N, C-alpha and C. Protein backbone atom coordinates (compact mmCIF):
# COMPACT_ATOMS: atom_id res chain seq x y z
N MET A 1 44.37 41.88 -10.30
CA MET A 1 45.40 40.87 -10.18
C MET A 1 46.73 41.56 -9.88
N THR A 2 47.43 41.06 -8.86
CA THR A 2 48.74 41.61 -8.56
C THR A 2 49.76 41.01 -9.52
N ALA A 3 50.89 41.66 -9.62
CA ALA A 3 51.91 41.24 -10.58
C ALA A 3 52.47 39.86 -10.29
N HIS A 4 52.33 39.39 -9.07
CA HIS A 4 52.92 38.10 -8.71
C HIS A 4 51.88 37.00 -8.52
N GLN A 5 50.66 37.26 -8.83
CA GLN A 5 49.60 36.27 -8.62
C GLN A 5 49.65 35.17 -9.68
N ILE A 6 49.46 33.94 -9.24
CA ILE A 6 49.37 32.82 -10.17
C ILE A 6 48.04 32.91 -10.89
N GLU A 7 48.08 32.85 -12.21
CA GLU A 7 46.86 32.96 -13.01
C GLU A 7 46.19 31.62 -13.24
N ALA A 8 46.99 30.57 -13.41
CA ALA A 8 46.40 29.27 -13.74
C ALA A 8 47.33 28.14 -13.30
N VAL A 9 46.70 27.02 -12.95
CA VAL A 9 47.44 25.80 -12.67
C VAL A 9 46.96 24.76 -13.68
N LEU A 10 47.89 24.24 -14.44
CA LEU A 10 47.59 23.24 -15.46
C LEU A 10 47.99 21.88 -14.92
N PHE A 11 47.13 20.91 -15.08
CA PHE A 11 47.39 19.57 -14.58
C PHE A 11 47.53 18.61 -15.75
N ASP A 12 48.58 17.83 -15.72
CA ASP A 12 48.70 16.67 -16.59
C ASP A 12 47.84 15.62 -15.90
N LEU A 13 46.62 15.41 -16.39
CA LEU A 13 45.61 14.63 -15.66
C LEU A 13 46.13 13.30 -15.17
N ALA A 14 46.68 12.49 -16.07
CA ALA A 14 47.15 11.15 -15.69
C ALA A 14 48.41 11.27 -14.85
N GLY A 15 48.36 10.75 -13.65
CA GLY A 15 49.52 10.77 -12.76
C GLY A 15 49.52 11.93 -11.79
N THR A 16 48.52 12.82 -11.87
CA THR A 16 48.42 13.90 -10.90
C THR A 16 47.05 13.89 -10.22
N LEU A 17 45.99 13.90 -11.01
CA LEU A 17 44.63 13.86 -10.46
C LEU A 17 44.02 12.48 -10.56
N THR A 18 44.54 11.66 -11.47
CA THR A 18 44.12 10.27 -11.58
C THR A 18 45.38 9.41 -11.56
N ALA A 19 45.18 8.13 -11.40
CA ALA A 19 46.31 7.21 -11.53
C ALA A 19 46.83 7.31 -12.96
N ALA A 20 48.12 7.13 -13.14
CA ALA A 20 48.69 7.23 -14.49
C ALA A 20 48.09 6.18 -15.42
N ARG A 21 47.82 5.01 -14.88
CA ARG A 21 47.18 3.94 -15.64
C ARG A 21 46.06 3.36 -14.78
N PRO A 22 44.89 4.04 -14.75
CA PRO A 22 43.82 3.56 -13.87
C PRO A 22 43.35 2.17 -14.26
N THR A 23 43.00 1.39 -13.27
CA THR A 23 42.47 0.05 -13.50
C THR A 23 41.00 0.03 -13.10
N ALA A 24 40.33 -1.05 -13.41
CA ALA A 24 38.90 -1.16 -13.11
C ALA A 24 38.63 -1.15 -11.61
N ASP A 25 39.57 -1.64 -10.79
CA ASP A 25 39.32 -1.69 -9.35
C ASP A 25 39.79 -0.45 -8.60
N GLU A 26 40.39 0.52 -9.30
CA GLU A 26 40.80 1.77 -8.67
C GLU A 26 39.92 2.90 -9.17
N PRO A 27 39.55 3.84 -8.30
CA PRO A 27 38.75 4.97 -8.75
C PRO A 27 39.54 5.83 -9.73
N ALA A 28 38.83 6.47 -10.64
CA ALA A 28 39.49 7.30 -11.64
C ALA A 28 40.21 8.47 -10.98
N LEU A 29 39.55 9.19 -10.08
CA LEU A 29 40.17 10.32 -9.41
C LEU A 29 40.87 9.86 -8.14
N LEU A 30 42.07 10.39 -7.91
CA LEU A 30 42.75 10.13 -6.66
C LEU A 30 42.01 10.89 -5.55
N PRO A 31 42.01 10.39 -4.33
CA PRO A 31 41.22 11.00 -3.26
C PRO A 31 41.55 12.47 -2.98
N GLN A 32 42.79 12.87 -3.22
CA GLN A 32 43.20 14.25 -2.93
C GLN A 32 42.90 15.21 -4.08
N ALA A 33 42.43 14.73 -5.21
CA ALA A 33 42.23 15.58 -6.40
C ALA A 33 41.12 16.59 -6.20
N LEU A 34 39.95 16.15 -5.79
CA LEU A 34 38.81 17.05 -5.67
C LEU A 34 39.06 18.17 -4.66
N PRO A 35 39.55 17.89 -3.45
CA PRO A 35 39.83 18.99 -2.52
C PRO A 35 40.86 19.99 -3.06
N ALA A 36 41.87 19.50 -3.75
CA ALA A 36 42.89 20.41 -4.31
C ALA A 36 42.27 21.34 -5.35
N LEU A 37 41.42 20.80 -6.20
CA LEU A 37 40.76 21.63 -7.22
C LEU A 37 39.79 22.61 -6.59
N GLN A 38 39.10 22.20 -5.54
CA GLN A 38 38.17 23.09 -4.85
C GLN A 38 38.91 24.26 -4.20
N ARG A 39 40.09 23.99 -3.62
CA ARG A 39 40.87 25.07 -3.01
C ARG A 39 41.34 26.06 -4.08
N LEU A 40 41.73 25.57 -5.25
CA LEU A 40 42.13 26.47 -6.33
C LEU A 40 40.97 27.36 -6.74
N GLN A 41 39.80 26.76 -6.95
CA GLN A 41 38.63 27.53 -7.36
C GLN A 41 38.29 28.59 -6.30
N HIS A 42 38.36 28.21 -5.04
CA HIS A 42 38.06 29.15 -3.95
C HIS A 42 39.03 30.33 -3.93
N SER A 43 40.27 30.07 -4.31
CA SER A 43 41.27 31.15 -4.32
C SER A 43 41.27 31.95 -5.62
N GLY A 44 40.41 31.58 -6.57
CA GLY A 44 40.29 32.35 -7.81
C GLY A 44 41.32 31.99 -8.87
N ILE A 45 41.98 30.86 -8.73
CA ILE A 45 42.98 30.43 -9.71
C ILE A 45 42.32 29.45 -10.68
N CYS A 46 42.48 29.72 -11.98
CA CYS A 46 41.92 28.83 -13.01
C CYS A 46 42.68 27.50 -13.03
N ALA A 47 41.94 26.44 -13.32
CA ALA A 47 42.56 25.12 -13.46
C ALA A 47 42.31 24.61 -14.87
N GLY A 48 43.33 24.01 -15.46
CA GLY A 48 43.21 23.42 -16.80
C GLY A 48 43.76 22.01 -16.79
N LEU A 49 43.28 21.21 -17.73
CA LEU A 49 43.70 19.81 -17.81
C LEU A 49 44.32 19.49 -19.15
N LEU A 50 45.45 18.80 -19.13
CA LEU A 50 46.05 18.22 -20.31
C LEU A 50 45.62 16.76 -20.35
N LEU A 51 44.89 16.38 -21.38
CA LEU A 51 44.37 15.02 -21.50
C LEU A 51 45.09 14.29 -22.61
N ASP A 52 45.21 12.99 -22.45
CA ASP A 52 45.82 12.23 -23.53
C ASP A 52 44.78 11.56 -24.41
N ARG A 53 43.52 11.59 -24.01
CA ARG A 53 42.43 11.04 -24.82
C ARG A 53 41.17 11.86 -24.60
N HIS A 54 40.26 11.85 -25.57
CA HIS A 54 39.00 12.58 -25.45
C HIS A 54 37.98 11.84 -24.60
N ASP A 55 38.20 10.58 -24.29
CA ASP A 55 37.16 9.78 -23.68
C ASP A 55 37.24 9.69 -22.16
N ARG A 56 37.96 10.57 -21.52
CA ARG A 56 38.06 10.55 -20.06
C ARG A 56 36.73 10.97 -19.43
N GLN A 57 36.39 10.30 -18.33
CA GLN A 57 35.22 10.68 -17.55
C GLN A 57 35.65 11.72 -16.52
N LEU A 58 35.18 12.95 -16.66
CA LEU A 58 35.58 14.04 -15.77
C LEU A 58 34.41 14.58 -14.96
N THR A 59 33.30 13.92 -14.95
CA THR A 59 32.09 14.44 -14.34
C THR A 59 32.30 15.02 -12.94
N PRO A 60 33.02 14.36 -12.02
CA PRO A 60 33.14 14.92 -10.67
C PRO A 60 33.88 16.26 -10.62
N ILE A 61 34.70 16.55 -11.62
CA ILE A 61 35.51 17.77 -11.54
C ILE A 61 35.23 18.78 -12.65
N GLU A 62 34.29 18.49 -13.53
CA GLU A 62 34.05 19.38 -14.67
C GLU A 62 33.77 20.82 -14.25
N SER A 63 33.02 21.01 -13.17
CA SER A 63 32.68 22.37 -12.74
C SER A 63 33.88 23.11 -12.16
N LEU A 64 34.94 22.40 -11.85
CA LEU A 64 36.13 23.02 -11.26
C LEU A 64 37.22 23.30 -12.28
N ILE A 65 37.00 22.88 -13.52
CA ILE A 65 38.00 23.02 -14.57
C ILE A 65 37.56 24.10 -15.54
N SER A 66 38.46 25.03 -15.84
CA SER A 66 38.13 26.12 -16.76
C SER A 66 38.33 25.75 -18.21
N ALA A 67 39.28 24.86 -18.51
CA ALA A 67 39.54 24.46 -19.90
C ALA A 67 40.31 23.14 -19.90
N THR A 68 40.17 22.42 -21.02
CA THR A 68 40.92 21.19 -21.22
C THR A 68 41.50 21.20 -22.63
N ILE A 69 42.51 20.38 -22.82
CA ILE A 69 43.06 20.18 -24.15
C ILE A 69 43.51 18.72 -24.25
N CYS A 70 43.22 18.13 -25.37
CA CYS A 70 43.62 16.75 -25.64
C CYS A 70 44.73 16.75 -26.67
N THR A 71 45.48 15.67 -26.68
CA THR A 71 46.50 15.54 -27.71
C THR A 71 45.80 15.59 -29.07
N GLU A 72 46.35 16.38 -29.96
CA GLU A 72 45.78 16.57 -31.30
C GLU A 72 46.90 16.44 -32.31
N PRO A 73 46.58 16.00 -33.53
CA PRO A 73 47.63 15.78 -34.55
C PRO A 73 48.48 17.01 -34.85
N HIS A 74 47.90 18.20 -34.78
CA HIS A 74 48.66 19.41 -35.13
C HIS A 74 49.53 19.92 -33.98
N LEU A 75 49.39 19.31 -32.79
CA LEU A 75 50.21 19.69 -31.64
C LEU A 75 51.26 18.61 -31.39
N ARG A 76 52.49 19.03 -31.21
CA ARG A 76 53.55 18.07 -30.93
C ARG A 76 53.34 17.47 -29.53
N PRO A 77 53.74 16.22 -29.36
CA PRO A 77 53.56 15.58 -28.04
C PRO A 77 54.54 16.14 -27.01
N LEU A 78 54.24 15.89 -25.74
CA LEU A 78 55.17 16.25 -24.67
C LEU A 78 56.50 15.56 -24.94
N PRO A 79 57.61 16.19 -24.74
CA PRO A 79 57.89 17.38 -23.96
C PRO A 79 57.86 18.70 -24.73
N ALA A 80 57.35 18.70 -25.93
CA ALA A 80 57.19 19.98 -26.64
C ALA A 80 56.23 20.86 -25.85
N PRO A 81 56.37 22.17 -25.93
CA PRO A 81 55.53 23.07 -25.14
C PRO A 81 54.13 23.30 -25.71
N ASP A 82 53.80 22.68 -26.84
CA ASP A 82 52.54 22.97 -27.53
C ASP A 82 51.30 22.82 -26.66
N LEU A 83 51.17 21.68 -25.98
CA LEU A 83 49.96 21.43 -25.18
C LEU A 83 49.81 22.42 -24.02
N PRO A 84 50.82 22.62 -23.18
CA PRO A 84 50.63 23.58 -22.09
C PRO A 84 50.42 25.01 -22.57
N VAL A 85 51.11 25.43 -23.62
CA VAL A 85 50.93 26.79 -24.12
C VAL A 85 49.53 26.97 -24.70
N THR A 86 49.05 26.00 -25.47
CA THR A 86 47.71 26.09 -26.05
C THR A 86 46.66 26.12 -24.95
N LEU A 87 46.84 25.31 -23.92
CA LEU A 87 45.90 25.32 -22.80
C LEU A 87 45.93 26.65 -22.07
N ALA A 88 47.11 27.20 -21.84
CA ALA A 88 47.21 28.51 -21.18
C ALA A 88 46.50 29.58 -22.01
N LEU A 89 46.64 29.51 -23.33
CA LEU A 89 45.95 30.48 -24.18
C LEU A 89 44.43 30.32 -24.08
N ARG A 90 43.95 29.09 -24.00
CA ARG A 90 42.51 28.86 -23.83
C ARG A 90 42.01 29.42 -22.50
N LEU A 91 42.88 29.42 -21.50
CA LEU A 91 42.53 29.97 -20.20
C LEU A 91 42.67 31.49 -20.16
N GLN A 92 43.14 32.06 -21.25
CA GLN A 92 43.32 33.50 -21.42
C GLN A 92 44.25 34.10 -20.36
N VAL A 93 45.35 33.38 -20.09
CA VAL A 93 46.34 33.92 -19.17
C VAL A 93 47.08 35.08 -19.83
N HIS A 94 47.55 35.99 -19.02
CA HIS A 94 48.27 37.15 -19.55
C HIS A 94 49.76 36.89 -19.67
N THR A 95 50.30 36.09 -18.75
CA THR A 95 51.73 35.85 -18.71
C THR A 95 52.00 34.39 -18.38
N LEU A 96 52.74 33.70 -19.23
CA LEU A 96 53.03 32.29 -18.99
C LEU A 96 53.81 32.06 -17.70
N LYS A 97 54.65 33.01 -17.31
CA LYS A 97 55.42 32.82 -16.08
C LYS A 97 54.55 32.91 -14.83
N HIS A 98 53.27 33.22 -15.01
CA HIS A 98 52.31 33.20 -13.90
C HIS A 98 51.46 31.94 -13.93
N CYS A 99 51.91 30.94 -14.66
CA CYS A 99 51.22 29.65 -14.74
C CYS A 99 52.10 28.56 -14.16
N VAL A 100 51.44 27.53 -13.66
CA VAL A 100 52.13 26.39 -13.05
C VAL A 100 51.63 25.13 -13.74
N LEU A 101 52.55 24.24 -14.07
CA LEU A 101 52.17 22.93 -14.61
C LEU A 101 52.49 21.87 -13.55
N VAL A 102 51.50 21.04 -13.24
CA VAL A 102 51.67 19.96 -12.28
C VAL A 102 51.63 18.65 -13.06
N SER A 103 52.70 17.86 -12.92
CA SER A 103 52.80 16.62 -13.69
C SER A 103 53.55 15.56 -12.89
N GLY A 104 53.20 14.31 -13.15
CA GLY A 104 53.89 13.20 -12.52
C GLY A 104 54.91 12.55 -13.44
N THR A 105 55.16 13.17 -14.62
CA THR A 105 56.08 12.57 -15.57
C THR A 105 57.21 13.53 -15.94
N SER A 106 58.32 12.96 -16.33
CA SER A 106 59.46 13.77 -16.78
C SER A 106 59.09 14.57 -18.03
N ASP A 107 58.39 13.94 -18.98
CA ASP A 107 58.00 14.65 -20.20
C ASP A 107 57.07 15.82 -19.88
N GLY A 108 56.16 15.65 -18.93
CA GLY A 108 55.28 16.74 -18.54
C GLY A 108 56.06 17.89 -17.93
N ILE A 109 57.01 17.58 -17.06
CA ILE A 109 57.84 18.61 -16.44
C ILE A 109 58.63 19.36 -17.51
N ARG A 110 59.24 18.62 -18.42
CA ARG A 110 60.04 19.27 -19.48
C ARG A 110 59.15 20.13 -20.38
N ALA A 111 57.93 19.69 -20.66
CA ALA A 111 57.01 20.50 -21.47
C ALA A 111 56.70 21.82 -20.77
N GLY A 112 56.46 21.76 -19.47
CA GLY A 112 56.21 22.98 -18.71
C GLY A 112 57.40 23.91 -18.73
N LEU A 113 58.59 23.37 -18.55
CA LEU A 113 59.79 24.19 -18.60
C LEU A 113 59.99 24.79 -19.99
N ASN A 114 59.76 23.98 -21.02
CA ASN A 114 59.90 24.48 -22.40
C ASN A 114 58.90 25.59 -22.71
N ALA A 115 57.77 25.59 -21.99
CA ALA A 115 56.75 26.62 -22.19
C ALA A 115 57.00 27.85 -21.32
N GLY A 116 57.97 27.79 -20.42
CA GLY A 116 58.26 28.92 -19.54
C GLY A 116 57.38 28.96 -18.31
N LEU A 117 56.84 27.81 -17.89
CA LEU A 117 55.96 27.73 -16.74
C LEU A 117 56.73 27.28 -15.51
N TRP A 118 56.19 27.56 -14.34
CA TRP A 118 56.65 26.93 -13.12
C TRP A 118 56.23 25.48 -13.18
N THR A 119 57.00 24.58 -12.59
CA THR A 119 56.65 23.17 -12.65
C THR A 119 56.68 22.54 -11.26
N ILE A 120 55.69 21.69 -11.02
CA ILE A 120 55.60 20.93 -9.78
C ILE A 120 55.41 19.47 -10.15
N GLY A 121 56.32 18.63 -9.71
CA GLY A 121 56.21 17.20 -9.96
C GLY A 121 55.48 16.51 -8.83
N THR A 122 54.65 15.53 -9.17
CA THR A 122 53.98 14.72 -8.16
C THR A 122 54.62 13.34 -8.16
N ALA A 123 55.45 13.11 -7.17
CA ALA A 123 56.28 11.90 -7.15
C ALA A 123 55.46 10.62 -6.99
N LEU A 124 54.55 10.61 -6.05
CA LEU A 124 53.89 9.35 -5.75
C LEU A 124 52.70 9.05 -6.64
N SER A 125 52.02 10.05 -7.13
CA SER A 125 50.83 9.79 -7.95
C SER A 125 51.17 8.90 -9.14
N GLY A 126 52.24 9.19 -9.83
CA GLY A 126 52.62 8.38 -10.97
C GLY A 126 53.40 7.14 -10.59
N ALA A 127 54.30 7.28 -9.61
CA ALA A 127 55.16 6.16 -9.23
C ALA A 127 54.38 5.01 -8.61
N LEU A 128 53.30 5.33 -7.92
CA LEU A 128 52.54 4.27 -7.26
C LEU A 128 51.88 3.33 -8.25
N ASP A 129 51.62 3.81 -9.45
CA ASP A 129 50.98 2.95 -10.44
C ASP A 129 51.84 1.72 -10.74
N GLN A 130 53.13 1.88 -10.66
CA GLN A 130 54.02 0.75 -10.92
C GLN A 130 53.91 -0.30 -9.82
N HIS A 131 53.49 0.11 -8.64
CA HIS A 131 53.46 -0.79 -7.49
C HIS A 131 52.04 -1.06 -7.01
N GLY A 132 51.07 -0.34 -7.57
CA GLY A 132 49.68 -0.50 -7.19
C GLY A 132 49.33 0.37 -6.00
N ASN A 133 48.46 1.34 -6.21
CA ASN A 133 48.06 2.23 -5.13
C ASN A 133 47.51 1.47 -3.93
N ALA A 134 46.77 0.40 -4.17
CA ALA A 134 46.17 -0.36 -3.08
C ALA A 134 47.23 -1.07 -2.25
N HIS A 135 48.38 -1.38 -2.84
CA HIS A 135 49.43 -2.11 -2.12
C HIS A 135 50.39 -1.19 -1.36
N TRP A 136 50.30 0.13 -1.57
CA TRP A 136 51.22 1.07 -0.94
C TRP A 136 51.28 0.92 0.57
N PRO A 137 50.14 0.88 1.28
CA PRO A 137 50.21 0.75 2.75
C PRO A 137 50.88 -0.55 3.22
N ALA A 138 50.82 -1.59 2.40
CA ALA A 138 51.40 -2.87 2.79
C ALA A 138 52.92 -2.89 2.63
N LEU A 139 53.47 -1.95 1.86
CA LEU A 139 54.91 -1.91 1.67
C LEU A 139 55.58 -1.43 2.96
N GLY A 140 56.76 -1.92 3.21
CA GLY A 140 57.52 -1.45 4.37
C GLY A 140 57.97 -0.02 4.16
N SER A 141 58.32 0.65 5.25
CA SER A 141 58.71 2.06 5.15
C SER A 141 59.97 2.23 4.31
N GLU A 142 60.89 1.27 4.37
CA GLU A 142 62.10 1.37 3.55
C GLU A 142 61.77 1.28 2.06
N GLU A 143 60.85 0.40 1.69
CA GLU A 143 60.44 0.28 0.29
C GLU A 143 59.68 1.53 -0.17
N GLN A 144 58.82 2.06 0.69
CA GLN A 144 58.11 3.30 0.36
C GLN A 144 59.10 4.45 0.15
N ASP A 145 60.08 4.55 1.04
CA ASP A 145 61.09 5.60 0.91
C ASP A 145 61.90 5.44 -0.37
N ARG A 146 62.23 4.21 -0.74
CA ARG A 146 63.00 3.97 -1.97
C ARG A 146 62.20 4.41 -3.19
N ILE A 147 60.93 4.04 -3.23
CA ILE A 147 60.07 4.41 -4.36
C ILE A 147 59.90 5.93 -4.43
N ARG A 148 59.65 6.56 -3.28
CA ARG A 148 59.48 8.02 -3.22
C ARG A 148 60.76 8.72 -3.69
N LEU A 149 61.92 8.26 -3.22
CA LEU A 149 63.19 8.88 -3.60
C LEU A 149 63.46 8.72 -5.10
N GLN A 150 63.22 7.53 -5.63
CA GLN A 150 63.45 7.31 -7.05
C GLN A 150 62.55 8.21 -7.90
N ALA A 151 61.27 8.31 -7.56
CA ALA A 151 60.35 9.15 -8.31
C ALA A 151 60.72 10.63 -8.17
N THR A 152 61.09 11.03 -6.97
CA THR A 152 61.48 12.43 -6.73
C THR A 152 62.72 12.80 -7.55
N MET A 153 63.72 11.93 -7.54
CA MET A 153 64.94 12.22 -8.29
C MET A 153 64.68 12.27 -9.79
N THR A 154 63.80 11.41 -10.28
CA THR A 154 63.45 11.42 -11.71
C THR A 154 62.85 12.77 -12.09
N LEU A 155 61.94 13.28 -11.27
CA LEU A 155 61.29 14.57 -11.57
C LEU A 155 62.25 15.74 -11.38
N MET A 156 63.10 15.66 -10.37
CA MET A 156 64.09 16.72 -10.16
C MET A 156 65.10 16.74 -11.30
N ASN A 157 65.52 15.58 -11.76
CA ASN A 157 66.45 15.52 -12.88
C ASN A 157 65.82 16.05 -14.16
N ALA A 158 64.51 16.00 -14.27
CA ALA A 158 63.82 16.58 -15.42
C ALA A 158 63.77 18.10 -15.30
N GLY A 159 64.06 18.64 -14.11
CA GLY A 159 64.11 20.08 -13.92
C GLY A 159 62.97 20.68 -13.12
N ALA A 160 62.14 19.86 -12.48
CA ALA A 160 61.00 20.38 -11.72
C ALA A 160 61.45 21.41 -10.69
N HIS A 161 60.70 22.51 -10.59
CA HIS A 161 60.98 23.52 -9.57
C HIS A 161 60.68 22.98 -8.18
N TYR A 162 59.65 22.17 -8.07
CA TYR A 162 59.23 21.57 -6.82
C TYR A 162 58.84 20.12 -7.09
N VAL A 163 58.97 19.27 -6.09
CA VAL A 163 58.46 17.91 -6.16
C VAL A 163 57.73 17.64 -4.85
N ILE A 164 56.48 17.21 -4.96
CA ILE A 164 55.64 16.87 -3.83
C ILE A 164 55.16 15.43 -4.01
N ASP A 165 54.64 14.85 -2.94
CA ASP A 165 54.12 13.49 -3.07
C ASP A 165 52.87 13.46 -3.95
N ASN A 166 51.92 14.36 -3.67
CA ASN A 166 50.67 14.41 -4.45
C ASN A 166 50.06 15.79 -4.32
N VAL A 167 48.95 16.04 -5.00
CA VAL A 167 48.37 17.39 -5.07
C VAL A 167 47.82 17.90 -3.75
N SER A 168 47.74 17.06 -2.73
CA SER A 168 47.30 17.56 -1.43
C SER A 168 48.32 18.55 -0.85
N GLU A 169 49.55 18.52 -1.34
CA GLU A 169 50.62 19.40 -0.88
C GLU A 169 50.84 20.60 -1.79
N LEU A 170 49.93 20.83 -2.71
CA LEU A 170 50.09 21.86 -3.73
C LEU A 170 50.10 23.28 -3.16
N ASP A 171 49.28 23.55 -2.16
CA ASP A 171 49.10 24.92 -1.66
C ASP A 171 50.41 25.57 -1.21
N SER A 172 51.25 24.84 -0.50
CA SER A 172 52.50 25.44 -0.02
C SER A 172 53.42 25.80 -1.18
N CYS A 173 53.43 25.01 -2.23
CA CYS A 173 54.24 25.33 -3.42
C CYS A 173 53.72 26.60 -4.09
N LEU A 174 52.41 26.71 -4.22
CA LEU A 174 51.83 27.89 -4.87
C LEU A 174 52.12 29.16 -4.06
N ARG A 175 52.05 29.07 -2.74
CA ARG A 175 52.39 30.23 -1.90
C ARG A 175 53.85 30.62 -2.11
N ASP A 176 54.73 29.62 -2.16
CA ASP A 176 56.15 29.90 -2.34
C ASP A 176 56.43 30.53 -3.70
N ILE A 177 55.76 30.03 -4.74
CA ILE A 177 55.93 30.61 -6.08
C ILE A 177 55.49 32.07 -6.07
N GLU A 178 54.38 32.37 -5.44
CA GLU A 178 53.92 33.76 -5.38
C GLU A 178 54.90 34.64 -4.62
N LEU A 179 55.48 34.13 -3.54
CA LEU A 179 56.50 34.89 -2.81
C LEU A 179 57.73 35.13 -3.66
N ARG A 180 58.15 34.11 -4.39
CA ARG A 180 59.32 34.25 -5.27
C ARG A 180 59.03 35.25 -6.39
N GLN A 181 57.82 35.22 -6.93
CA GLN A 181 57.46 36.17 -8.00
C GLN A 181 57.41 37.60 -7.47
N ALA A 182 57.01 37.78 -6.23
CA ALA A 182 56.92 39.12 -5.64
C ALA A 182 58.30 39.74 -5.47
N LYS A 183 59.33 38.92 -5.34
CA LYS A 183 60.69 39.42 -5.15
C LYS A 183 61.34 39.87 -6.44
N VAL A 184 60.77 39.46 -7.58
CA VAL A 184 61.39 39.78 -8.87
C VAL A 184 61.07 41.19 -9.27
């Protein structure tokens, strides 16, 4: 492992790989989730999941995930760093600054920052839940831009290092983080 290599990417499951509040008529995994996880596995980067409940169905992605952690009574809730740090330890990372947390929420971003991780916000994954993922294409471009801008600003104000629409854009952020780490 080189000194600037990313060791692990931690996902706040709800709002990044799944809808923040999945409904019966929407699939649990967002369409871009599986390819993003497959690319991470192919590049040798561990993936971990922060879950808010033990009862999530993860069957399609279980083989691509190295570790998971659920909210537990002895761990403080987000934005405390407990969950991401505990998950990073389960993944046996050597350095927290070589880990990335991907989240669609302000609390998730703040937890990653509090843990000393790089953070990437997913603006549309979480924001679309308020408007319905199925209705997104029917919205006018001005309304889509307004929703995207509002979600992006919320995550940037929380301190996210990067904000992307969804995890399909993750690779360019990871390359940039590695370049930035190489300069240090």
